[in-house]
N, C-alpha and C. Protein backbone atom coordinates (compact mmCIF):
# COMPACT_ATOMS: atom_id res chain seq x y z
N MET A 1 0.84 -1.18 0.00
CA MET A 1 0.00 0.00 0.00
C MET A 1 0.89 1.25 0.00
N ALA A 2 0.36 2.31 -0.65
CA ALA A 2 1.16 3.52 -0.80
C ALA A 2 0.29 4.75 -0.62
N THR A 3 0.94 5.86 -0.29
CA THR A 3 0.25 7.14 -0.14
C THR A 3 0.05 7.80 -1.51
N GLN A 4 -0.77 8.81 -1.52
CA GLN A 4 -0.96 9.58 -2.76
C GLN A 4 0.37 10.18 -3.21
N ALA A 5 1.13 10.69 -2.26
CA ALA A 5 2.42 11.31 -2.58
C ALA A 5 3.35 10.31 -3.25
N TYR A 6 3.43 9.11 -2.70
CA TYR A 6 4.31 8.10 -3.27
C TYR A 6 3.83 7.68 -4.66
N CYS A 7 2.52 7.49 -4.81
CA CYS A 7 1.97 7.09 -6.11
C CYS A 7 2.25 8.17 -7.16
N ALA A 8 2.03 9.43 -6.78
CA ALA A 8 2.29 10.53 -7.71
C ALA A 8 3.75 10.55 -8.13
N LYS A 9 4.63 10.38 -7.17
CA LYS A 9 6.07 10.37 -7.47
C LYS A 9 6.40 9.21 -8.40
N LEU A 10 5.85 8.05 -8.12
CA LEU A 10 6.10 6.87 -8.93
C LEU A 10 5.63 7.07 -10.37
N LEU A 11 4.48 7.74 -10.53
CA LEU A 11 3.91 7.98 -11.86
C LEU A 11 4.54 9.18 -12.56
N GLY A 12 5.31 9.97 -11.82
CA GLY A 12 5.96 11.14 -12.41
C GLY A 12 4.99 12.30 -12.62
N ILE A 13 4.00 12.40 -11.74
CA ILE A 13 3.03 13.49 -11.82
C ILE A 13 2.95 14.18 -10.46
N SER A 14 2.29 15.31 -10.44
CA SER A 14 2.15 16.03 -9.17
C SER A 14 1.06 15.37 -8.32
N GLU A 15 1.11 15.65 -7.04
CA GLU A 15 0.06 15.13 -6.15
C GLU A 15 -1.29 15.71 -6.55
N ARG A 16 -1.28 16.93 -6.96
CA ARG A 16 -2.53 17.57 -7.40
C ARG A 16 -3.11 16.82 -8.59
N ARG A 17 -2.26 16.50 -9.56
CA ARG A 17 -2.76 15.76 -10.74
C ARG A 17 -3.24 14.37 -10.33
N PHE A 18 -2.57 13.76 -9.36
CA PHE A 18 -2.99 12.44 -8.88
C PHE A 18 -4.40 12.55 -8.29
N ARG A 19 -4.65 13.60 -7.50
CA ARG A 19 -5.98 13.79 -6.92
C ARG A 19 -7.02 14.05 -8.00
N GLU A 20 -6.63 14.80 -9.05
CA GLU A 20 -7.55 15.04 -10.17
C GLU A 20 -7.93 13.73 -10.85
N LEU A 21 -6.95 12.83 -11.01
CA LEU A 21 -7.22 11.53 -11.64
C LEU A 21 -8.18 10.70 -10.78
N ILE A 22 -8.06 10.85 -9.48
CA ILE A 22 -9.00 10.16 -8.58
C ILE A 22 -10.40 10.74 -8.78
N ASP A 23 -10.49 12.08 -8.79
CA ASP A 23 -11.78 12.75 -8.96
C ASP A 23 -12.41 12.42 -10.32
N GLU A 24 -11.58 12.22 -11.34
CA GLU A 24 -12.07 11.88 -12.68
C GLU A 24 -12.44 10.41 -12.80
N GLY A 25 -12.11 9.63 -11.78
CA GLY A 25 -12.43 8.20 -11.81
C GLY A 25 -11.42 7.36 -12.54
N VAL A 26 -10.30 7.94 -12.91
CA VAL A 26 -9.24 7.19 -13.59
C VAL A 26 -8.58 6.23 -12.61
N ILE A 27 -8.30 6.74 -11.43
CA ILE A 27 -7.69 5.92 -10.38
C ILE A 27 -8.76 5.71 -9.31
N PRO A 28 -9.01 4.44 -8.94
CA PRO A 28 -10.03 4.16 -7.92
C PRO A 28 -9.65 4.78 -6.57
N ARG A 29 -10.65 5.42 -5.94
CA ARG A 29 -10.44 6.03 -4.63
C ARG A 29 -10.15 4.92 -3.61
N ALA A 30 -9.15 5.14 -2.77
CA ALA A 30 -8.75 4.11 -1.80
C ALA A 30 -9.27 4.46 -0.42
N ASP A 31 -9.55 3.41 0.33
CA ASP A 31 -9.96 3.59 1.72
C ASP A 31 -8.74 4.01 2.53
N LYS A 32 -8.95 4.95 3.42
CA LYS A 32 -7.90 5.38 4.34
C LYS A 32 -6.68 5.96 3.64
N GLY A 33 -6.80 6.34 2.36
CA GLY A 33 -5.70 6.98 1.64
C GLY A 33 -4.55 6.06 1.32
N GLU A 34 -4.78 4.75 1.36
CA GLU A 34 -3.72 3.80 1.05
C GLU A 34 -4.03 3.15 -0.29
N TYR A 35 -3.15 3.38 -1.26
CA TYR A 35 -3.38 2.94 -2.64
C TYR A 35 -2.54 1.72 -2.96
N ASP A 36 -3.17 0.81 -3.68
CA ASP A 36 -2.49 -0.41 -4.12
C ASP A 36 -1.79 -0.09 -5.44
N ILE A 37 -0.48 -0.14 -5.43
CA ILE A 37 0.31 0.18 -6.62
C ILE A 37 -0.09 -0.71 -7.80
N GLU A 38 -0.42 -1.94 -7.53
CA GLU A 38 -0.79 -2.88 -8.59
C GLU A 38 -2.14 -2.53 -9.21
N VAL A 39 -2.90 -1.65 -8.59
CA VAL A 39 -4.15 -1.15 -9.16
C VAL A 39 -3.91 0.21 -9.82
N VAL A 40 -3.14 1.05 -9.14
CA VAL A 40 -2.91 2.43 -9.60
C VAL A 40 -2.15 2.46 -10.93
N VAL A 41 -1.05 1.75 -11.01
CA VAL A 41 -0.20 1.82 -12.21
C VAL A 41 -0.95 1.34 -13.45
N PRO A 42 -1.59 0.18 -13.44
CA PRO A 42 -2.32 -0.25 -14.64
C PRO A 42 -3.46 0.73 -15.01
N ALA A 43 -4.17 1.27 -14.00
CA ALA A 43 -5.25 2.22 -14.29
C ALA A 43 -4.69 3.48 -14.96
N TYR A 44 -3.59 3.97 -14.43
CA TYR A 44 -2.97 5.16 -14.99
C TYR A 44 -2.48 4.90 -16.42
N CYS A 45 -1.83 3.76 -16.62
CA CYS A 45 -1.31 3.42 -17.96
C CYS A 45 -2.45 3.24 -18.96
N ALA A 46 -3.54 2.61 -18.53
CA ALA A 46 -4.69 2.43 -19.42
C ALA A 46 -5.26 3.78 -19.82
N ASN A 47 -5.30 4.71 -18.85
CA ASN A 47 -5.80 6.05 -19.16
C ASN A 47 -4.87 6.76 -20.16
N LEU A 48 -3.57 6.61 -19.96
CA LEU A 48 -2.62 7.24 -20.89
C LEU A 48 -2.81 6.70 -22.30
N ARG A 49 -2.97 5.38 -22.42
CA ARG A 49 -3.18 4.78 -23.74
C ARG A 49 -4.49 5.28 -24.36
N ALA A 50 -5.54 5.37 -23.54
CA ALA A 50 -6.83 5.83 -24.05
C ALA A 50 -6.76 7.29 -24.49
N VAL A 51 -6.09 8.12 -23.70
CA VAL A 51 -5.94 9.53 -24.06
C VAL A 51 -5.14 9.65 -25.35
N ALA A 52 -4.05 8.88 -25.45
CA ALA A 52 -3.22 8.93 -26.65
C ALA A 52 -4.00 8.49 -27.89
N ALA A 53 -4.90 7.55 -27.71
CA ALA A 53 -5.70 7.05 -28.83
C ALA A 53 -6.92 7.94 -29.07
N GLY A 54 -7.13 8.93 -28.19
CA GLY A 54 -8.25 9.83 -28.35
C GLY A 54 -9.56 9.27 -27.84
N ARG A 55 -9.51 8.22 -27.04
CA ARG A 55 -10.74 7.58 -26.56
C ARG A 55 -11.14 8.01 -25.17
N ALA A 56 -10.24 8.63 -24.44
CA ALA A 56 -10.57 8.96 -23.05
C ALA A 56 -10.24 10.41 -22.77
N GLY A 57 -10.63 10.83 -21.63
CA GLY A 57 -10.33 12.20 -21.23
C GLY A 57 -11.38 13.15 -21.73
N GLY A 58 -12.04 12.77 -22.80
CA GLY A 58 -13.12 13.59 -23.35
C GLY A 58 -12.69 15.01 -23.62
N GLU A 59 -13.68 15.86 -23.69
CA GLU A 59 -13.45 17.27 -23.99
C GLU A 59 -12.59 17.94 -22.92
N GLU A 60 -12.79 17.57 -21.67
CA GLU A 60 -12.04 18.17 -20.56
C GLU A 60 -10.54 17.95 -20.73
N GLN A 61 -10.16 16.72 -21.10
CA GLN A 61 -8.74 16.42 -21.27
C GLN A 61 -8.16 17.18 -22.46
N VAL A 62 -8.93 17.27 -23.54
CA VAL A 62 -8.46 18.00 -24.72
C VAL A 62 -8.29 19.48 -24.37
N VAL A 63 -9.26 20.03 -23.66
CA VAL A 63 -9.18 21.44 -23.27
C VAL A 63 -7.98 21.67 -22.37
N LYS A 64 -7.78 20.77 -21.40
CA LYS A 64 -6.65 20.90 -20.47
C LYS A 64 -5.32 20.83 -21.23
N SER A 65 -5.21 19.88 -22.15
CA SER A 65 -3.97 19.75 -22.93
C SER A 65 -3.75 20.97 -23.80
N THR A 66 -4.82 21.47 -24.40
CA THR A 66 -4.71 22.65 -25.25
C THR A 66 -4.30 23.86 -24.42
N GLU A 67 -4.89 24.01 -23.24
CA GLU A 67 -4.54 25.13 -22.37
C GLU A 67 -3.09 25.04 -21.91
N GLU A 68 -2.64 23.84 -21.58
CA GLU A 68 -1.25 23.66 -21.15
C GLU A 68 -0.29 23.98 -22.29
N ALA A 69 -0.63 23.53 -23.51
CA ALA A 69 0.22 23.81 -24.67
C ALA A 69 0.26 25.32 -24.94
N ARG A 70 -0.89 25.96 -24.84
CA ARG A 70 -0.97 27.40 -25.07
C ARG A 70 -0.15 28.15 -24.02
N ARG A 71 -0.29 27.75 -22.76
CA ARG A 71 0.46 28.39 -21.67
C ARG A 71 1.97 28.20 -21.88
N THR A 72 2.37 27.01 -22.27
CA THR A 72 3.79 26.74 -22.51
C THR A 72 4.31 27.60 -23.65
N LYS A 73 3.52 27.72 -24.73
CA LYS A 73 3.94 28.55 -25.86
C LYS A 73 4.04 30.01 -25.46
N LEU A 74 3.06 30.49 -24.69
CA LEU A 74 3.11 31.89 -24.24
C LEU A 74 4.33 32.15 -23.36
N GLN A 75 4.65 31.20 -22.49
CA GLN A 75 5.83 31.36 -21.64
C GLN A 75 7.09 31.40 -22.49
N ALA A 76 7.18 30.53 -23.49
CA ALA A 76 8.35 30.52 -24.38
C ALA A 76 8.43 31.82 -25.17
N ASP A 77 7.28 32.30 -25.66
CA ASP A 77 7.26 33.56 -26.41
C ASP A 77 7.72 34.72 -25.53
N LYS A 78 7.25 34.73 -24.28
CA LYS A 78 7.63 35.80 -23.35
C LYS A 78 9.14 35.79 -23.11
N ILE A 79 9.69 34.61 -22.90
CA ILE A 79 11.13 34.50 -22.67
C ILE A 79 11.89 34.97 -23.90
N GLU A 80 11.42 34.57 -25.08
CA GLU A 80 12.08 34.98 -26.31
C GLU A 80 12.06 36.51 -26.47
N LEU A 81 10.93 37.13 -26.15
CA LEU A 81 10.84 38.59 -26.23
C LEU A 81 11.79 39.25 -25.23
N GLU A 82 11.86 38.70 -24.02
CA GLU A 82 12.75 39.26 -23.00
C GLU A 82 14.21 39.15 -23.45
N VAL A 83 14.58 38.02 -24.04
CA VAL A 83 15.95 37.83 -24.52
C VAL A 83 16.24 38.83 -25.64
N ASN A 84 15.31 38.97 -26.58
CA ASN A 84 15.50 39.91 -27.68
C ASN A 84 15.61 41.34 -27.17
N GLU A 85 14.84 41.68 -26.13
CA GLU A 85 14.93 43.02 -25.56
C GLU A 85 16.28 43.23 -24.90
N MET A 86 16.78 42.22 -24.18
CA MET A 86 18.09 42.33 -23.53
C MET A 86 19.19 42.51 -24.58
N ARG A 87 19.03 41.88 -25.72
CA ARG A 87 20.02 41.99 -26.81
C ARG A 87 19.93 43.33 -27.52
N GLY A 88 18.88 44.09 -27.22
CA GLY A 88 18.69 45.37 -27.90
C GLY A 88 18.02 45.22 -29.24
N GLU A 89 17.40 44.07 -29.50
CA GLU A 89 16.74 43.83 -30.77
C GLU A 89 15.29 44.29 -30.76
N LEU A 90 14.77 44.63 -29.61
CA LEU A 90 13.40 45.14 -29.47
C LEU A 90 13.44 46.50 -28.81
N VAL A 91 12.61 47.37 -29.31
CA VAL A 91 12.50 48.71 -28.73
C VAL A 91 11.02 48.95 -28.45
N PRO A 92 10.69 49.49 -27.31
CA PRO A 92 9.28 49.76 -27.00
C PRO A 92 8.64 50.65 -28.06
N ALA A 93 7.39 50.39 -28.36
CA ALA A 93 6.66 51.15 -29.38
C ALA A 93 6.64 52.63 -29.06
N SER A 94 6.58 52.99 -27.80
CA SER A 94 6.54 54.41 -27.42
C SER A 94 7.82 55.13 -27.86
N GLN A 95 8.95 54.43 -27.78
CA GLN A 95 10.21 55.05 -28.21
C GLN A 95 10.24 55.21 -29.73
N ILE A 96 9.70 54.25 -30.45
CA ILE A 96 9.63 54.36 -31.91
C ILE A 96 8.70 55.51 -32.28
N ALA A 97 7.57 55.61 -31.58
CA ALA A 97 6.61 56.66 -31.86
C ALA A 97 7.24 58.03 -31.65
N ASP A 98 8.02 58.20 -30.59
CA ASP A 98 8.67 59.48 -30.32
C ASP A 98 9.66 59.83 -31.44
N ALA A 99 10.46 58.86 -31.85
CA ALA A 99 11.44 59.11 -32.91
C ALA A 99 10.74 59.41 -34.23
N LEU A 100 9.68 58.67 -34.52
CA LEU A 100 8.95 58.89 -35.77
C LEU A 100 8.29 60.27 -35.76
N HIS A 101 7.75 60.67 -34.64
CA HIS A 101 7.14 61.99 -34.51
C HIS A 101 8.19 63.08 -34.76
N SER A 102 9.36 62.92 -34.18
CA SER A 102 10.45 63.89 -34.40
C SER A 102 10.84 63.94 -35.87
N ALA A 103 10.93 62.78 -36.49
CA ALA A 103 11.32 62.72 -37.90
C ALA A 103 10.30 63.44 -38.78
N VAL A 104 9.04 63.22 -38.52
CA VAL A 104 8.00 63.86 -39.31
C VAL A 104 8.04 65.38 -39.12
N LEU A 105 8.25 65.82 -37.88
CA LEU A 105 8.34 67.27 -37.64
C LEU A 105 9.53 67.89 -38.38
N ILE A 106 10.66 67.21 -38.34
CA ILE A 106 11.83 67.71 -39.05
C ILE A 106 11.55 67.77 -40.54
N MET A 107 10.98 66.71 -41.07
CA MET A 107 10.70 66.65 -42.50
C MET A 107 9.74 67.78 -42.89
N LYS A 108 8.68 67.94 -42.13
CA LYS A 108 7.68 68.96 -42.44
C LYS A 108 8.31 70.36 -42.39
N THR A 109 9.07 70.62 -41.34
CA THR A 109 9.67 71.94 -41.16
C THR A 109 10.72 72.24 -42.22
N ARG A 110 11.66 71.31 -42.38
CA ARG A 110 12.77 71.55 -43.30
C ARG A 110 12.35 71.57 -44.76
N ILE A 111 11.55 70.61 -45.17
CA ILE A 111 11.14 70.56 -46.58
C ILE A 111 10.16 71.70 -46.87
N GLY A 112 9.32 72.02 -45.88
CA GLY A 112 8.40 73.14 -46.07
C GLY A 112 9.12 74.47 -46.20
N ALA A 113 10.32 74.57 -45.63
CA ALA A 113 11.09 75.81 -45.68
C ALA A 113 11.92 75.96 -46.95
N VAL A 114 12.05 74.91 -47.73
CA VAL A 114 12.90 74.96 -48.93
C VAL A 114 12.49 76.07 -49.89
N PRO A 115 11.22 76.23 -50.26
CA PRO A 115 10.89 77.29 -51.22
C PRO A 115 11.30 78.68 -50.74
N ALA A 116 10.98 79.00 -49.48
CA ALA A 116 11.32 80.33 -48.97
C ALA A 116 12.83 80.52 -48.88
N LYS A 117 13.54 79.48 -48.54
CA LYS A 117 15.00 79.56 -48.41
C LYS A 117 15.67 79.67 -49.78
N VAL A 118 15.14 78.95 -50.75
CA VAL A 118 15.78 78.86 -52.06
C VAL A 118 15.40 80.02 -52.98
N ALA A 119 14.20 80.55 -52.83
CA ALA A 119 13.73 81.60 -53.75
C ALA A 119 14.73 82.76 -53.89
N PRO A 120 15.23 83.30 -52.77
CA PRO A 120 16.19 84.40 -52.95
C PRO A 120 17.48 83.96 -53.64
N MET A 121 17.85 82.70 -53.46
CA MET A 121 19.08 82.19 -54.06
C MET A 121 18.97 82.09 -55.58
N VAL A 122 17.76 81.82 -56.06
CA VAL A 122 17.61 81.58 -57.49
C VAL A 122 16.90 82.74 -58.21
N ALA A 123 16.56 83.76 -57.44
CA ALA A 123 15.90 84.90 -58.07
C ALA A 123 16.81 85.49 -59.13
N GLY A 124 16.31 85.66 -60.29
CA GLY A 124 17.09 86.24 -61.37
C GLY A 124 17.97 85.24 -62.09
N VAL A 125 18.10 83.99 -61.60
CA VAL A 125 18.90 82.99 -62.28
C VAL A 125 18.05 82.42 -63.40
N LYS A 126 18.60 82.46 -64.61
CA LYS A 126 17.82 81.99 -65.75
C LYS A 126 18.20 80.58 -66.17
N SER A 127 19.17 80.01 -65.51
CA SER A 127 19.62 78.66 -65.87
C SER A 127 18.86 77.63 -65.05
N ILE A 128 18.04 76.84 -65.69
CA ILE A 128 17.25 75.80 -65.01
C ILE A 128 18.15 74.81 -64.28
N PRO A 129 19.27 74.34 -64.86
CA PRO A 129 20.13 73.40 -64.12
C PRO A 129 20.67 74.00 -62.83
N VAL A 130 20.95 75.30 -62.80
CA VAL A 130 21.45 75.93 -61.58
C VAL A 130 20.34 75.95 -60.53
N VAL A 131 19.12 76.30 -60.91
CA VAL A 131 17.98 76.33 -59.99
C VAL A 131 17.74 74.93 -59.43
N GLU A 132 17.75 73.94 -60.32
CA GLU A 132 17.54 72.55 -59.88
C GLU A 132 18.60 72.13 -58.86
N ARG A 133 19.88 72.49 -59.13
CA ARG A 133 20.95 72.11 -58.22
C ARG A 133 20.76 72.76 -56.85
N VAL A 134 20.39 74.01 -56.80
CA VAL A 134 20.18 74.71 -55.53
C VAL A 134 19.03 74.06 -54.76
N ILE A 135 17.92 73.78 -55.44
CA ILE A 135 16.78 73.13 -54.78
C ILE A 135 17.18 71.75 -54.28
N ARG A 136 17.86 70.97 -55.15
CA ARG A 136 18.29 69.62 -54.78
C ARG A 136 19.22 69.66 -53.57
N ASP A 137 20.18 70.57 -53.54
CA ASP A 137 21.11 70.68 -52.41
C ASP A 137 20.36 70.97 -51.11
N ASN A 138 19.37 71.83 -51.17
CA ASN A 138 18.60 72.16 -49.97
C ASN A 138 17.73 71.00 -49.50
N ILE A 139 17.16 70.28 -50.43
CA ILE A 139 16.36 69.11 -50.06
C ILE A 139 17.27 68.03 -49.46
N GLU A 140 18.44 67.82 -50.06
CA GLU A 140 19.39 66.83 -49.52
C GLU A 140 19.86 67.23 -48.12
N GLU A 141 20.04 68.51 -47.89
CA GLU A 141 20.42 68.99 -46.56
C GLU A 141 19.32 68.67 -45.54
N ALA A 142 18.07 68.90 -45.95
CA ALA A 142 16.94 68.61 -45.06
C ALA A 142 16.85 67.11 -44.79
N LEU A 143 17.04 66.31 -45.82
CA LEU A 143 16.98 64.86 -45.64
C LEU A 143 18.14 64.34 -44.79
N ALA A 144 19.29 64.98 -44.91
CA ALA A 144 20.44 64.57 -44.08
C ALA A 144 20.13 64.82 -42.60
N GLU A 145 19.47 65.92 -42.31
CA GLU A 145 19.08 66.19 -40.92
C GLU A 145 18.06 65.16 -40.46
N LEU A 146 17.15 64.82 -41.33
CA LEU A 146 16.14 63.81 -41.01
C LEU A 146 16.80 62.47 -40.72
N ALA A 147 17.84 62.14 -41.45
CA ALA A 147 18.53 60.86 -41.26
C ALA A 147 19.24 60.77 -39.92
N LYS A 148 19.45 61.89 -39.26
CA LYS A 148 20.13 61.89 -37.96
C LYS A 148 19.22 61.49 -36.81
N VAL A 149 17.91 61.38 -37.06
CA VAL A 149 16.97 61.02 -36.01
C VAL A 149 17.30 59.61 -35.54
N GLU A 150 17.44 59.43 -34.22
CA GLU A 150 17.77 58.13 -33.65
C GLU A 150 16.71 57.69 -32.66
N VAL A 151 16.58 56.38 -32.56
CA VAL A 151 15.74 55.81 -31.52
C VAL A 151 16.67 55.49 -30.37
N ARG A 152 16.43 56.13 -29.23
CA ARG A 152 17.27 55.90 -28.07
C ARG A 152 16.52 55.09 -27.06
N ARG A 153 17.19 54.10 -26.51
CA ARG A 153 16.57 53.27 -25.48
C ARG A 153 16.42 54.09 -24.21
N ALA A 154 15.26 53.98 -23.61
CA ALA A 154 15.03 54.68 -22.35
C ALA A 154 15.84 53.98 -21.26
N ALA A 155 16.26 54.75 -20.29
CA ALA A 155 17.00 54.17 -19.17
C ALA A 155 16.09 53.20 -18.41
N ALA A 156 16.68 52.13 -17.92
CA ALA A 156 15.89 51.14 -17.17
C ALA A 156 15.32 51.79 -15.92
N ALA A 157 14.05 51.47 -15.68
CA ALA A 157 13.39 52.08 -14.52
C ALA A 157 13.72 51.36 -13.25
């Protein structure tokens, strides 16, 4: 005769899962909490075979297995994200939003200022290639400033 704790250890499951199997009727409930290993092991193995063949456990077992698989995947995904963040491969969306907002403001301001800045430079110039070069130089200058926008990691809180 054995205790629930010993049976669970022998089967490689938690005591909680062992009690669940008793409640599900997989393992016969024992008097005085003393379980016959020669009854417990075959009952547990038969249940494993039935679950593997899809004949036992019913919807509850499928739901439990699906939930456990989902939980395991979420835990793995979380760890992967944490590792990627530690490597500096992930940046919080708020930091990207701040950098993008700055970039748009620079672009709007600098490119919007090109006509007013360039007009006096090209006033009276009759050569189209010269006008184009002045405009192009000013746009490239504005874009170069835009290219300097960086996403900076916030200090750890």
